[in-house]
């Protein structure tokens, strides 16, 4: 009887040990997956802009203005801009369409049509394969009305 009881206790301890080992294996697997994903993120492309907000100041009505946002790929993989989308029709974007190698520079050219006299704030949404896949660039300024010409 004691022998059978010892067998059950020993078998119970083995089953518990198997469960503990399984839980440890799952935890180790998860930790390895997370660390691998982080290491891969460090390998991805990433941009660093000289400026992310440009202030045009006061600009005359009816005169389009342009600025260029310059960025550097500080990641290890080539940086590919998949879309550069202004949030309104009064702004036009042109950008580097070829992959930007690690350490190289790229450009995003923004032209704002100053048609209406008023202060403005416009956002340009940049989408890429970078670690931060979406980046917002901002242009601000104030369009001032042209002086009315008086007829004499």
N, C-alpha and C. Protein backbone atom coordinates (compact mmCIF):
# COMPACT_ATOMS: atom_id res chain seq x y z
N UNK A 1 0.82 -1.19 0.00
CA UNK A 1 0.00 0.00 0.00
C UNK A 1 0.87 1.26 0.00
N UNK A 2 1.90 1.27 0.83
CA UNK A 2 2.80 2.42 0.89
C UNK A 2 3.50 2.59 -0.45
N UNK A 3 3.81 1.51 -1.08
CA UNK A 3 4.48 1.57 -2.38
C UNK A 3 3.57 2.21 -3.43
N UNK A 4 2.28 1.85 -3.43
CA UNK A 4 1.34 2.43 -4.39
C UNK A 4 1.15 3.91 -4.10
N UNK A 5 1.04 4.26 -2.81
CA UNK A 5 0.89 5.66 -2.43
C UNK A 5 2.11 6.47 -2.87
N UNK A 6 3.29 5.95 -2.68
CA UNK A 6 4.52 6.63 -3.11
C UNK A 6 4.54 6.81 -4.62
N UNK A 7 4.04 5.80 -5.34
CA UNK A 7 3.98 5.89 -6.80
C UNK A 7 3.09 7.05 -7.24
N UNK A 8 1.90 7.19 -6.61
CA UNK A 8 0.98 8.27 -6.96
C UNK A 8 1.57 9.64 -6.63
N UNK A 9 2.22 9.76 -5.50
CA UNK A 9 2.84 11.03 -5.12
C UNK A 9 3.95 11.37 -6.10
N UNK A 10 4.77 10.40 -6.43
CA UNK A 10 5.87 10.62 -7.37
C UNK A 10 5.32 11.00 -8.74
N UNK A 11 4.29 10.30 -9.21
CA UNK A 11 3.67 10.59 -10.50
C UNK A 11 3.06 11.99 -10.50
N UNK A 12 2.42 12.38 -9.38
CA UNK A 12 1.83 13.71 -9.24
C UNK A 12 2.91 14.78 -9.33
N UNK A 13 4.05 14.58 -8.68
CA UNK A 13 5.15 15.53 -8.72
C UNK A 13 5.73 15.64 -10.13
N UNK A 14 5.80 14.54 -10.84
CA UNK A 14 6.31 14.56 -12.22
C UNK A 14 5.36 15.36 -13.10
N UNK A 15 4.05 15.17 -12.94
CA UNK A 15 3.06 15.90 -13.73
C UNK A 15 3.18 17.41 -13.46
N UNK A 16 3.34 17.78 -12.19
CA UNK A 16 3.50 19.20 -11.84
C UNK A 16 4.78 19.77 -12.43
N UNK A 17 5.82 18.99 -12.40
CA UNK A 17 7.10 19.44 -12.95
C UNK A 17 6.97 19.66 -14.45
N UNK A 18 6.24 18.78 -15.14
CA UNK A 18 6.03 18.94 -16.58
C UNK A 18 5.27 20.24 -16.86
N UNK A 19 4.26 20.52 -16.04
CA UNK A 19 3.49 21.75 -16.22
C UNK A 19 4.37 22.98 -16.01
N UNK A 20 5.18 22.94 -14.98
CA UNK A 20 6.08 24.06 -14.70
C UNK A 20 7.07 24.26 -15.84
N UNK A 21 7.63 23.18 -16.35
CA UNK A 21 8.56 23.28 -17.47
C UNK A 21 7.88 23.84 -18.72
N UNK A 22 6.63 23.43 -18.96
CA UNK A 22 5.88 23.93 -20.11
C UNK A 22 5.64 25.44 -19.98
N UNK A 23 5.24 25.88 -18.80
CA UNK A 23 5.02 27.31 -18.57
C UNK A 23 6.33 28.08 -18.77
N UNK A 24 7.42 27.57 -18.25
CA UNK A 24 8.73 28.23 -18.42
C UNK A 24 9.12 28.30 -19.89
N UNK A 25 8.86 27.24 -20.65
CA UNK A 25 9.19 27.23 -22.08
C UNK A 25 8.36 28.27 -22.82
N UNK A 26 7.08 28.39 -22.47
CA UNK A 26 6.23 29.40 -23.12
C UNK A 26 6.73 30.80 -22.80
N UNK A 27 7.06 31.05 -21.55
CA UNK A 27 7.56 32.38 -21.16
C UNK A 27 8.87 32.70 -21.87
N UNK A 28 9.78 31.74 -21.93
CA UNK A 28 11.05 31.96 -22.63
C UNK A 28 10.82 32.21 -24.12
N UNK A 29 9.92 31.45 -24.72
CA UNK A 29 9.60 31.65 -26.14
C UNK A 29 9.05 33.03 -26.40
N UNK A 30 8.15 33.49 -25.54
CA UNK A 30 7.58 34.83 -25.68
C UNK A 30 8.66 35.90 -25.52
N UNK A 31 9.51 35.75 -24.51
CA UNK A 31 10.58 36.73 -24.28
C UNK A 31 11.53 36.78 -25.48
N UNK A 32 11.85 35.64 -26.04
CA UNK A 32 12.73 35.60 -27.21
C UNK A 32 12.06 36.27 -28.40
N UNK A 33 10.77 36.04 -28.61
CA UNK A 33 10.04 36.66 -29.72
C UNK A 33 10.02 38.17 -29.58
N UNK A 34 9.75 38.66 -28.38
CA UNK A 34 9.71 40.12 -28.15
C UNK A 34 11.08 40.73 -28.38
N UNK A 35 12.14 40.10 -27.88
CA UNK A 35 13.48 40.67 -28.05
C UNK A 35 13.90 40.63 -29.52
N UNK A 36 13.50 39.60 -30.25
CA UNK A 36 13.81 39.52 -31.68
C UNK A 36 13.08 40.63 -32.44
N UNK A 37 11.81 40.85 -32.08
CA UNK A 37 11.04 41.91 -32.75
C UNK A 37 11.67 43.27 -32.48
N UNK A 38 12.12 43.50 -31.26
CA UNK A 38 12.77 44.78 -30.94
C UNK A 38 14.06 44.93 -31.72
N UNK A 39 14.82 43.87 -31.84
CA UNK A 39 16.07 43.93 -32.59
C UNK A 39 15.78 44.22 -34.06
N UNK A 40 14.71 43.65 -34.59
CA UNK A 40 14.36 43.92 -35.98
C UNK A 40 13.91 45.36 -36.15
N UNK A 41 13.19 45.93 -35.15
CA UNK A 41 12.79 47.33 -35.21
C UNK A 41 14.02 48.24 -35.27
N UNK A 42 15.08 47.86 -34.55
CA UNK A 42 16.30 48.66 -34.57
C UNK A 42 16.97 48.61 -35.94
N UNK A 43 16.68 47.59 -36.72
CA UNK A 43 17.24 47.46 -38.06
C UNK A 43 16.44 48.24 -39.09
N UNK A 44 15.20 48.61 -38.77
CA UNK A 44 14.33 49.28 -39.73
C UNK A 44 14.86 50.66 -40.07
N UNK A 45 14.28 51.20 -41.12
CA UNK A 45 14.59 52.58 -41.51
C UNK A 45 13.96 53.54 -40.51
N UNK A 46 14.52 54.71 -40.40
CA UNK A 46 13.95 55.76 -39.54
C UNK A 46 14.41 57.11 -40.04
N UNK A 47 13.48 58.08 -40.06
CA UNK A 47 13.91 59.38 -40.51
C UNK A 47 14.03 60.37 -39.38
N UNK A 48 14.94 61.31 -39.61
CA UNK A 48 15.14 62.42 -38.68
C UNK A 48 15.07 63.68 -39.52
N UNK A 49 14.08 64.51 -39.23
CA UNK A 49 13.88 65.75 -39.98
C UNK A 49 14.69 66.88 -39.37
N UNK A 50 15.14 67.79 -40.24
CA UNK A 50 15.79 69.02 -39.74
C UNK A 50 14.78 69.87 -38.99
N UNK A 51 13.54 69.91 -39.50
CA UNK A 51 12.43 70.57 -38.82
C UNK A 51 11.16 69.83 -39.20
N UNK A 52 10.19 69.79 -38.28
CA UNK A 52 8.92 69.14 -38.56
C UNK A 52 7.79 70.15 -38.63
N UNK A 53 8.11 71.41 -38.35
CA UNK A 53 7.13 72.49 -38.44
C UNK A 53 7.81 73.70 -39.08
N UNK A 54 7.15 74.25 -40.10
CA UNK A 54 7.71 75.42 -40.77
C UNK A 54 6.73 76.58 -40.68
N UNK A 55 7.25 77.73 -40.26
CA UNK A 55 6.43 78.94 -40.16
C UNK A 55 6.80 79.87 -41.31
N UNK A 56 5.84 80.10 -42.21
CA UNK A 56 6.05 81.00 -43.33
C UNK A 56 5.98 82.46 -42.91
N UNK A 57 5.44 82.73 -41.73
CA UNK A 57 5.25 84.11 -41.30
C UNK A 57 4.11 84.74 -42.10
N UNK A 58 4.23 86.02 -42.39
CA UNK A 58 3.19 86.71 -43.17
C UNK A 58 3.54 86.62 -44.65
N UNK A 59 2.57 86.16 -45.43
CA UNK A 59 2.79 86.03 -46.88
C UNK A 59 1.67 86.75 -47.62
N UNK A 60 1.96 87.33 -48.77
CA UNK A 60 0.93 88.06 -49.51
C UNK A 60 -0.09 87.12 -50.17
N UNK A 61 -1.33 87.55 -50.14
CA UNK A 61 -2.40 86.79 -50.76
C UNK A 61 -2.14 86.61 -52.25
N UNK A 62 -2.45 85.42 -52.76
CA UNK A 62 -2.31 85.15 -54.18
C UNK A 62 -0.91 84.72 -54.60
N UNK A 63 0.00 84.61 -53.66
CA UNK A 63 1.38 84.21 -53.97
C UNK A 63 1.68 82.86 -53.33
N UNK A 64 1.78 81.78 -54.11
CA UNK A 64 2.12 80.47 -53.52
C UNK A 64 3.52 80.53 -52.89
N UNK A 65 3.67 79.81 -51.79
CA UNK A 65 4.96 79.73 -51.10
C UNK A 65 5.37 78.27 -50.97
N UNK A 66 6.67 78.04 -50.93
CA UNK A 66 7.20 76.68 -50.91
C UNK A 66 8.26 76.56 -49.82
N UNK A 67 8.29 75.40 -49.19
CA UNK A 67 9.35 75.06 -48.25
C UNK A 67 9.76 73.61 -48.52
N UNK A 68 10.95 73.27 -48.08
CA UNK A 68 11.45 71.91 -48.26
C UNK A 68 11.82 71.35 -46.88
N UNK A 69 11.21 70.22 -46.55
CA UNK A 69 11.57 69.49 -45.34
C UNK A 69 12.63 68.47 -45.73
N UNK A 70 13.80 68.58 -45.13
CA UNK A 70 14.88 67.65 -45.42
C UNK A 70 14.98 66.63 -44.29
N UNK A 71 15.18 65.37 -44.65
CA UNK A 71 15.31 64.33 -43.64
C UNK A 71 16.50 63.44 -43.96
N UNK A 72 16.99 62.77 -42.93
CA UNK A 72 18.08 61.81 -43.06
C UNK A 72 17.59 60.45 -42.58
N UNK A 73 17.94 59.41 -43.31
CA UNK A 73 17.61 58.06 -42.87
C UNK A 73 18.65 57.65 -41.83
N UNK A 74 18.24 57.59 -40.57
CA UNK A 74 19.16 57.22 -39.50
C UNK A 74 19.04 55.74 -39.14
N UNK A 75 18.20 55.00 -39.88
CA UNK A 75 18.07 53.56 -39.68
C UNK A 75 19.07 52.81 -40.53
N UNK A 76 18.95 51.48 -40.51
CA UNK A 76 19.89 50.65 -41.27
C UNK A 76 19.34 50.21 -42.62
N UNK A 77 18.02 50.07 -42.72
CA UNK A 77 17.41 49.67 -43.99
C UNK A 77 17.10 50.90 -44.82
N UNK A 78 16.93 50.73 -46.14
CA UNK A 78 16.51 51.86 -46.97
C UNK A 78 15.13 52.37 -46.55
N UNK A 79 14.97 53.67 -46.55
CA UNK A 79 13.71 54.32 -46.18
C UNK A 79 12.90 54.58 -47.43
N UNK A 80 11.66 54.11 -47.45
CA UNK A 80 10.79 54.29 -48.60
C UNK A 80 9.55 55.06 -48.18
N UNK A 81 9.36 56.25 -48.75
CA UNK A 81 8.15 57.02 -48.50
C UNK A 81 7.06 56.45 -49.41
N UNK A 82 5.99 55.95 -48.81
CA UNK A 82 4.91 55.36 -49.61
C UNK A 82 3.83 56.38 -49.94
N UNK A 83 3.71 57.44 -49.13
CA UNK A 83 2.71 58.46 -49.40
C UNK A 83 3.05 59.73 -48.62
N UNK A 84 2.85 60.86 -49.26
CA UNK A 84 2.95 62.16 -48.59
C UNK A 84 1.68 62.90 -48.96
N UNK A 85 0.78 63.03 -47.99
CA UNK A 85 -0.56 63.52 -48.27
C UNK A 85 -0.89 64.77 -47.45
N UNK A 86 -1.03 65.91 -48.12
CA UNK A 86 -1.53 67.10 -47.43
C UNK A 86 -2.99 66.88 -47.02
N UNK A 87 -3.41 67.55 -45.96
CA UNK A 87 -4.78 67.37 -45.48
C UNK A 87 -5.77 68.32 -46.13
N UNK A 88 -5.32 69.14 -47.07
CA UNK A 88 -6.27 70.01 -47.78
C UNK A 88 -5.78 70.21 -49.22
N UNK A 89 -6.70 70.64 -50.07
CA UNK A 89 -6.38 70.82 -51.48
C UNK A 89 -5.55 72.05 -51.79
N UNK A 90 -5.33 72.91 -50.81
CA UNK A 90 -4.56 74.13 -51.03
C UNK A 90 -3.06 73.89 -50.90
N UNK A 91 -2.69 72.65 -50.60
CA UNK A 91 -1.28 72.30 -50.38
C UNK A 91 -0.89 71.16 -51.32
N UNK A 92 0.27 71.30 -51.94
CA UNK A 92 0.78 70.28 -52.86
C UNK A 92 2.10 69.76 -52.33
N UNK A 93 2.28 68.44 -52.42
CA UNK A 93 3.52 67.83 -51.93
C UNK A 93 4.23 67.09 -53.05
N UNK A 94 5.54 67.21 -53.06
CA UNK A 94 6.39 66.42 -53.93
C UNK A 94 7.50 65.88 -53.03
N UNK A 95 7.96 64.67 -53.30
CA UNK A 95 8.91 64.06 -52.38
C UNK A 95 9.82 63.08 -53.09
N UNK A 96 10.88 62.69 -52.40
CA UNK A 96 11.83 61.72 -52.91
C UNK A 96 11.11 60.38 -53.04
N UNK A 97 11.06 59.87 -54.26
CA UNK A 97 10.30 58.64 -54.51
C UNK A 97 11.18 57.40 -54.58
N UNK A 98 12.47 57.57 -54.61
CA UNK A 98 13.39 56.43 -54.61
C UNK A 98 13.77 56.10 -53.16
N UNK A 99 14.14 54.85 -52.88
CA UNK A 99 14.56 54.51 -51.52
C UNK A 99 15.76 55.34 -51.08
N UNK A 100 15.71 55.80 -49.83
CA UNK A 100 16.79 56.59 -49.27
C UNK A 100 17.65 55.66 -48.41
N UNK A 101 18.89 55.47 -48.82
CA UNK A 101 19.79 54.54 -48.12
C UNK A 101 20.15 55.08 -46.74
N UNK A 102 20.63 54.20 -45.90
CA UNK A 102 21.05 54.57 -44.56
C UNK A 102 22.10 55.69 -44.63
N UNK A 103 21.86 56.77 -43.88
CA UNK A 103 22.78 57.90 -43.86
C UNK A 103 22.54 58.93 -44.94
N UNK A 104 21.74 58.60 -45.95
CA UNK A 104 21.45 59.54 -47.04
C UNK A 104 20.28 60.46 -46.67
N UNK A 105 20.14 61.50 -47.49
CA UNK A 105 19.09 62.50 -47.26
C UNK A 105 18.00 62.40 -48.32
N UNK A 106 16.80 62.82 -47.94
CA UNK A 106 15.67 62.90 -48.85
C UNK A 106 14.96 64.22 -48.62
N UNK A 107 14.05 64.56 -49.54
CA UNK A 107 13.36 65.85 -49.48
C UNK A 107 11.85 65.67 -49.61
N UNK A 108 11.13 66.54 -48.92
CA UNK A 108 9.69 66.66 -49.11
C UNK A 108 9.43 68.14 -49.36
N UNK A 109 8.98 68.45 -50.58
CA UNK A 109 8.74 69.84 -50.99
C UNK A 109 7.24 70.12 -50.86
N UNK A 110 6.91 71.17 -50.11
CA UNK A 110 5.52 71.54 -49.85
C UNK A 110 5.26 72.93 -50.42
N UNK A 111 4.21 73.04 -51.23
CA UNK A 111 3.80 74.34 -51.77
C UNK A 111 2.40 74.64 -51.29
N UNK A 112 2.24 75.82 -50.68
CA UNK A 112 0.94 76.25 -50.17
C UNK A 112 0.42 77.37 -51.06
N UNK A 113 -0.83 77.24 -51.49
CA UNK A 113 -1.48 78.25 -52.32
C UNK A 113 -2.14 79.27 -51.41
N UNK A 114 -1.57 80.44 -51.31
CA UNK A 114 -2.06 81.48 -50.40
C UNK A 114 -3.21 82.25 -51.04
N UNK A 115 -4.34 81.60 -51.25
CA UNK A 115 -5.45 82.21 -51.97
C UNK A 115 -6.32 83.10 -51.08
N UNK A 116 -6.47 82.74 -49.82
CA UNK A 116 -7.39 83.47 -48.94
C UNK A 116 -6.65 84.11 -47.78
N UNK A 117 -7.00 85.36 -47.48
CA UNK A 117 -6.36 86.09 -46.40
C UNK A 117 -6.87 85.55 -45.06
N UNK A 118 -6.00 84.90 -44.33
CA UNK A 118 -6.32 84.35 -43.01
C UNK A 118 -5.10 83.60 -42.48
N UNK A 119 -5.03 83.42 -41.16
CA UNK A 119 -3.98 82.56 -40.61
C UNK A 119 -4.26 81.11 -41.03
N UNK A 120 -3.21 80.32 -41.14
CA UNK A 120 -3.41 78.91 -41.53
C UNK A 120 -2.45 78.00 -40.78
N UNK A 121 -2.92 76.78 -40.59
CA UNK A 121 -2.12 75.68 -40.06
C UNK A 121 -2.51 74.46 -40.88
N UNK A 122 -1.56 73.86 -41.56
CA UNK A 122 -1.83 72.71 -42.42
C UNK A 122 -0.92 71.56 -42.01
N UNK A 123 -1.47 70.35 -42.09
CA UNK A 123 -0.73 69.15 -41.74
C UNK A 123 -0.48 68.33 -42.99
N UNK A 124 0.71 67.78 -43.09
CA UNK A 124 1.09 66.88 -44.19
C UNK A 124 1.42 65.54 -43.53
N UNK A 125 0.72 64.47 -43.93
CA UNK A 125 0.90 63.15 -43.34
C UNK A 125 1.87 62.35 -44.21
N UNK A 126 2.99 61.94 -43.61
CA UNK A 126 4.03 61.19 -44.31
C UNK A 126 3.94 59.73 -43.87
N UNK A 127 3.77 58.82 -44.84
CA UNK A 127 3.70 57.39 -44.55
C UNK A 127 4.91 56.71 -45.18
N UNK A 128 5.51 55.79 -44.40
CA UNK A 128 6.75 55.14 -44.87
C UNK A 128 6.91 53.77 -44.23
N UNK A 129 8.03 53.14 -44.52
CA UNK A 129 8.37 51.86 -43.91
C UNK A 129 9.23 52.03 -42.66
N UNK A 130 9.26 53.23 -42.10
CA UNK A 130 10.11 53.52 -40.94
C UNK A 130 9.57 52.88 -39.67
N UNK A 131 10.38 52.87 -38.64
CA UNK A 131 9.96 52.40 -37.33
C UNK A 131 8.73 53.17 -36.88
N UNK A 132 8.72 54.46 -37.13
CA UNK A 132 7.54 55.29 -36.92
C UNK A 132 6.90 55.45 -38.30
N UNK A 133 5.90 54.62 -38.65
CA UNK A 133 5.42 54.59 -40.03
C UNK A 133 4.64 55.82 -40.48
N UNK A 134 4.11 56.60 -39.55
CA UNK A 134 3.37 57.80 -39.91
C UNK A 134 3.95 58.99 -39.16
N UNK A 135 4.24 60.05 -39.89
CA UNK A 135 4.82 61.26 -39.32
C UNK A 135 4.03 62.44 -39.83
N UNK A 136 3.77 63.43 -38.99
CA UNK A 136 3.06 64.63 -39.40
C UNK A 136 4.02 65.81 -39.49
N UNK A 137 3.99 66.48 -40.63
CA UNK A 137 4.72 67.73 -40.81
C UNK A 137 3.68 68.86 -40.80
N UNK A 138 4.07 70.03 -40.32
CA UNK A 138 3.11 71.13 -40.18
C UNK A 138 3.68 72.39 -40.80
N UNK A 139 2.81 73.10 -41.53
CA UNK A 139 3.16 74.44 -42.01
C UNK A 139 2.15 75.42 -41.42
N UNK A 140 2.64 76.58 -41.03
CA UNK A 140 1.80 77.63 -40.47
C UNK A 140 2.18 78.96 -41.08
N UNK A 141 1.32 79.91 -40.93
CA UNK A 141 1.59 81.26 -41.41
C UNK A 141 0.33 82.09 -41.42
N UNK A 142 0.46 83.26 -42.00
CA UNK A 142 -0.70 84.14 -42.13
C UNK A 142 -0.67 84.77 -43.52
N UNK A 143 -1.75 84.57 -44.24
CA UNK A 143 -1.90 85.19 -45.56
C UNK A 143 -2.53 86.56 -45.32
N UNK A 144 -1.83 87.60 -45.79
CA UNK A 144 -2.34 88.97 -45.61
C UNK A 144 -2.89 89.46 -46.95
N UNK A 145 -3.99 90.18 -46.87
CA UNK A 145 -4.66 90.67 -48.07
C UNK A 145 -3.78 91.68 -48.79
N UNK A 146 -3.88 91.62 -50.13
CA UNK A 146 -3.17 92.62 -50.92
C UNK A 146 -3.86 93.96 -50.70
N UNK A 147 -3.08 95.03 -50.66
CA UNK A 147 -3.72 96.34 -50.49
C UNK A 147 -4.58 96.64 -51.73
N UNK A 148 -5.75 97.16 -51.46
CA UNK A 148 -6.64 97.53 -52.58
C UNK A 148 -6.08 98.76 -53.26
N UNK A 149 -6.11 98.73 -54.58
CA UNK A 149 -5.60 99.88 -55.32
C UNK A 149 -6.74 100.90 -55.45
N UNK A 150 -6.42 102.12 -55.08
CA UNK A 150 -7.44 103.17 -55.17
C UNK A 150 -7.33 103.84 -56.53
N UNK A 151 -8.47 104.02 -57.15
CA UNK A 151 -8.47 104.66 -58.47
C UNK A 151 -8.74 106.14 -58.31
N UNK A 152 -7.92 106.97 -58.94
CA UNK A 152 -8.07 108.42 -58.84
C UNK A 152 -8.31 108.99 -60.18
